[in-house]
Amino acid sequence: QVQLVESGGGLVQAGGSLRLSCAASGHTVSWFGMAWFRQVSGQEREVVAVITSSGGSTYYADSVKGRFTISRDNAKNTVALQMNSLKPEDTAVYYCAAGSDFGRSSKEFGSWGQGTQVTVSS
């Protein structure tokens, strides 16, 4: 089991940027596809971005394409999400997850962080 800890959330004005980080321990993440999900209270958790174990391929939800960038450093056992041009609708709790290289739903990821709140004010 991989232990994941997110950091970097906070309050930012619309149009601003934040960088989320996810630190892994207990197991190397180089074997796993890594993803960022987000969840608004009362709604289902949705995928934001996925990166394959090698880092060679990425996937983005249409709502964040062109604004967010997922990256990983397998040597440091970390994953990051650079979020630019933030919008109020990006407000959510963001979760880091480890699982399938090509996963797109939360069921395909078995390890989760505790989440970090991102709030974008208008």
C-alpha atoms as a PDB file:
ATOM      1  CA  GLN A   1       0.000   0.000   0.000  1.00  0.00           C
ATOM      2  CA  VAL A   2       1.234   3.438  -0.910  1.00  0.00           C
ATOM      3  CA  GLN A   3       0.792   6.288   1.541  1.00  0.00           C
ATOM      4  CA  LEU A   4       0.105   9.620  -0.130  1.00  0.00           C
ATOM      5  CA  VAL A   5       0.175  13.117   1.355  1.00  0.00           C
ATOM      6  CA  GLU A   6      -0.974  16.176  -0.575  1.00  0.00           C
ATOM      7  CA  SER A   7       0.096  19.754   0.028  1.00  0.00           C
ATOM      8  CA  GLY A   8      -0.139  23.124  -1.679  1.00  0.00           C
ATOM      9  CA  GLY A   9      -3.836  23.860  -1.521  1.00  0.00           C
ATOM     10  CA  GLY A  10      -5.196  27.209  -0.443  1.00  0.00           C
ATOM     11  CA  LEU A  11      -7.192  30.280  -1.381  1.00  0.00           C
ATOM     12  CA  VAL A  12      -6.455  32.066  -4.647  1.00  0.00           C
ATOM     13  CA  GLN A  13      -8.205  34.647  -6.792  1.00  0.00           C
ATOM     14  CA  ALA A  14      -9.623  33.734 -10.168  1.00  0.00           C
ATOM     15  CA  GLY A  15      -6.899  33.790 -12.793  1.00  0.00           C
ATOM     16  CA  GLY A  16      -4.234  32.841 -10.282  1.00  0.00           C
ATOM     17  CA  SER A  17      -2.100  29.747  -9.950  1.00  0.00           C
ATOM     18  CA  LEU A  18      -1.447  27.013  -7.418  1.00  0.00           C
ATOM     19  CA  ARG A  19       0.864  24.038  -7.412  1.00  0.00           C
ATOM     20  CA  LEU A  20      -0.231  20.880  -5.618  1.00  0.00           C
ATOM     21  CA  SER A  21       2.297  18.294  -4.534  1.00  0.00           C
ATOM     22  CA  CYS A  22       1.851  14.671  -3.550  1.00  0.00           C
ATOM     23  CA  ALA A  23       4.543  12.844  -1.585  1.00  0.00           C
ATOM     24  CA  ALA A  24       4.485   9.059  -1.518  1.00  0.00           C
ATOM     25  CA  SER A  25       5.913   6.644   0.993  1.00  0.00           C
ATOM     26  CA  GLY A  26       5.733   2.962   1.776  1.00  0.00           C
ATOM     27  CA  HIS A  27       6.214   1.939  -1.825  1.00  0.00           C
ATOM     28  CA  THR A  28       7.764   3.370  -4.935  1.00  0.00           C
ATOM     29  CA  VAL A  29       5.204   5.082  -7.124  1.00  0.00           C
ATOM     30  CA  SER A  30       7.149   4.256 -10.276  1.00  0.00           C
ATOM     31  CA  TRP A  31       5.023   1.128 -10.670  1.00  0.00           C
ATOM     32  CA  PHE A  32       1.741   3.054 -10.629  1.00  0.00           C
ATOM     33  CA  GLY A  33      -0.252   5.381 -12.745  1.00  0.00           C
ATOM     34  CA  MET A  34      -0.837   8.509 -10.691  1.00  0.00           C
ATOM     35  CA  ALA A  35      -3.823  10.810 -10.783  1.00  0.00           C
ATOM     36  CA  TRP A  36      -5.394  13.881  -9.320  1.00  0.00           C
ATOM     37  CA  PHE A  37      -9.103  13.824  -8.584  1.00  0.00           C
ATOM     38  CA  ARG A  38     -11.314  16.500  -7.121  1.00  0.00           C
ATOM     39  CA  GLN A  39     -14.555  16.468  -5.234  1.00  0.00           C
ATOM     40  CA  VAL A  40     -17.129  19.079  -4.348  1.00  0.00           C
ATOM     41  CA  SER A  41     -19.287  18.339  -1.330  1.00  0.00           C
ATOM     42  CA  GLY A  42     -22.337  16.349  -2.371  1.00  0.00           C
ATOM     43  CA  GLN A  43     -20.919  15.465  -5.760  1.00  0.00           C
ATOM     44  CA  GLU A  44     -18.988  12.489  -7.079  1.00  0.00           C
ATOM     45  CA  ARG A  45     -15.219  12.492  -7.151  1.00  0.00           C
ATOM     46  CA  GLU A  46     -14.044  13.330 -10.674  1.00  0.00           C
ATOM     47  CA  VAL A  47     -10.747  12.741 -12.407  1.00  0.00           C
ATOM     48  CA  VAL A  48      -8.702  15.839 -13.183  1.00  0.00           C
ATOM     49  CA  ALA A  49      -5.484  14.412 -14.629  1.00  0.00           C
ATOM     50  CA  VAL A  50      -3.648  11.101 -14.955  1.00  0.00           C
ATOM     51  CA  ILE A  51      -0.009  10.335 -15.716  1.00  0.00           C
ATOM     52  CA  THR A  52       1.326   6.907 -16.612  1.00  0.00           C
ATOM     53  CA  SER A  53       3.975   5.141 -14.524  1.00  0.00           C
ATOM     54  CA  SER A  54       6.743   6.157 -16.919  1.00  0.00           C
ATOM     55  CA  GLY A  55       5.472   9.698 -17.231  1.00  0.00           C
ATOM     56  CA  GLY A  56       5.255   9.248 -20.974  1.00  0.00           C
ATOM     57  CA  SER A  57       1.533   9.801 -21.326  1.00  0.00           C
ATOM     58  CA  THR A  58      -0.981  12.098 -19.672  1.00  0.00           C
ATOM     59  CA  TYR A  59      -4.742  12.575 -19.650  1.00  0.00           C
ATOM     60  CA  TYR A  60      -6.715  15.670 -18.702  1.00  0.00           C
ATOM     61  CA  ALA A  61     -10.371  16.275 -18.125  1.00  0.00           C
ATOM     62  CA  ASP A  62     -11.779  18.649 -20.731  1.00  0.00           C
ATOM     63  CA  SER A  63     -12.532  21.201 -18.035  1.00  0.00           C
ATOM     64  CA  VAL A  64      -8.838  21.648 -17.160  1.00  0.00           C
ATOM     65  CA  LYS A  65      -7.131  20.951 -20.463  1.00  0.00           C
ATOM     66  CA  GLY A  66      -4.673  23.702 -21.354  1.00  0.00           C
ATOM     67  CA  ARG A  67      -4.694  25.103 -17.800  1.00  0.00           C
ATOM     68  CA  PHE A  68      -3.430  22.240 -15.600  1.00  0.00           C
ATOM     69  CA  THR A  69      -0.273  20.175 -15.956  1.00  0.00           C
ATOM     70  CA  ILE A  70       0.449  16.905 -14.173  1.00  0.00           C
ATOM     71  CA  SER A  71       4.041  15.782 -13.685  1.00  0.00           C
ATOM     72  CA  ARG A  72       5.947  13.214 -11.681  1.00  0.00           C
ATOM     73  CA  ASP A  73       9.432  12.617 -10.355  1.00  0.00           C
ATOM     74  CA  ASN A  74       9.865   8.913  -9.745  1.00  0.00           C
ATOM     75  CA  ALA A  75      13.290   9.422  -8.198  1.00  0.00           C
ATOM     76  CA  LYS A  76      11.747  11.642  -5.522  1.00  0.00           C
ATOM     77  CA  ASN A  77       8.502   9.641  -5.302  1.00  0.00           C
ATOM     78  CA  THR A  78       6.416  12.740  -5.933  1.00  0.00           C
ATOM     79  CA  VAL A  79       3.633  13.897  -8.229  1.00  0.00           C
ATOM     80  CA  ALA A  80       2.596  17.476  -8.877  1.00  0.00           C
ATOM     81  CA  LEU A  81      -0.332  19.348 -10.394  1.00  0.00           C
ATOM     82  CA  GLN A  82       0.372  22.838 -11.707  1.00  0.00           C
ATOM     83  CA  MET A  83      -2.881  24.764 -11.932  1.00  0.00           C
ATOM     84  CA  ASN A  84      -2.976  28.003 -13.905  1.00  0.00           C
ATOM     85  CA  SER A  85      -5.794  30.356 -14.894  1.00  0.00           C
ATOM     86  CA  LEU A  86      -7.869  29.072 -12.021  1.00  0.00           C
ATOM     87  CA  LYS A  87     -11.622  29.542 -12.080  1.00  0.00           C
ATOM     88  CA  PRO A  88     -14.171  29.558  -9.248  1.00  0.00           C
ATOM     89  CA  GLU A  89     -15.517  26.260 -10.584  1.00  0.00           C
ATOM     90  CA  ASP A  90     -12.141  24.671  -9.819  1.00  0.00           C
ATOM     91  CA  THR A  91     -12.958  25.013  -6.116  1.00  0.00           C
ATOM     92  CA  ALA A  92     -12.896  21.520  -4.576  1.00  0.00           C
ATOM     93  CA  VAL A  93     -10.934  19.139  -2.406  1.00  0.00           C
ATOM     94  CA  TYR A  94      -8.131  17.716  -4.512  1.00  0.00           C
ATOM     95  CA  TYR A  95      -6.915  14.161  -3.985  1.00  0.00           C
ATOM     96  CA  CYS A  96      -3.789  12.378  -5.149  1.00  0.00           C
ATOM     97  CA  ALA A  97      -4.245   8.718  -6.078  1.00  0.00           C
ATOM     98  CA  ALA A  98      -2.146   5.746  -7.179  1.00  0.00           C
ATOM     99  CA  GLY A  99      -3.446   2.971  -9.402  1.00  0.00           C
ATOM    100  CA  SER A 100      -3.961   2.127 -13.046  1.00  0.00           C
ATOM    101  CA  ASP A 101      -1.931   3.725 -15.816  1.00  0.00           C
ATOM    102  CA  PHE A 102      -5.088   4.274 -17.819  1.00  0.00           C
ATOM    103  CA  GLY A 103      -7.599   4.697 -15.049  1.00  0.00           C
ATOM    104  CA  ARG A 104     -10.271   7.339 -15.381  1.00  0.00           C
ATOM    105  CA  SER A 105     -12.566   6.490 -12.477  1.00  0.00           C
ATOM    106  CA  SER A 106     -11.917   6.429  -8.738  1.00  0.00           C
ATOM    107  CA  LYS A 107     -12.526   2.661  -8.694  1.00  0.00           C
ATOM    108  CA  GLU A 108      -9.311   2.126 -10.635  1.00  0.00           C
ATOM    109  CA  PHE A 109      -7.147   3.723  -7.971  1.00  0.00           C
ATOM    110  CA  GLY A 110      -6.460   1.896  -4.722  1.00  0.00           C
ATOM    111  CA  SER A 111      -4.388   4.372  -2.721  1.00  0.00           C
ATOM    112  CA  TRP A 112      -5.514   7.858  -1.798  1.00  0.00           C
ATOM    113  CA  GLY A 113      -4.251  10.882   0.047  1.00  0.00           C
ATOM    114  CA  GLN A 114      -6.319  12.788   2.584  1.00  0.00           C
ATOM    115  CA  GLY A 115      -7.042  15.650   0.204  1.00  0.00           C
ATOM    116  CA  THR A 116      -6.196  19.338   0.113  1.00  0.00           C
ATOM    117  CA  GLN A 117      -8.701  22.171  -0.249  1.00  0.00           C
ATOM    118  CA  VAL A 118      -8.456  24.535  -3.201  1.00  0.00           C
ATOM    119  CA  THR A 119     -10.695  27.597  -3.116  1.00  0.00           C
ATOM    120  CA  VAL A 120     -10.844  30.032  -6.013  1.00  0.00           C
ATOM    121  CA  SER A 121     -12.566  33.334  -5.328  1.00  0.00           C
ATOM    122  CA  SER A 122     -14.216  35.397  -8.035  1.00  0.00           C
END
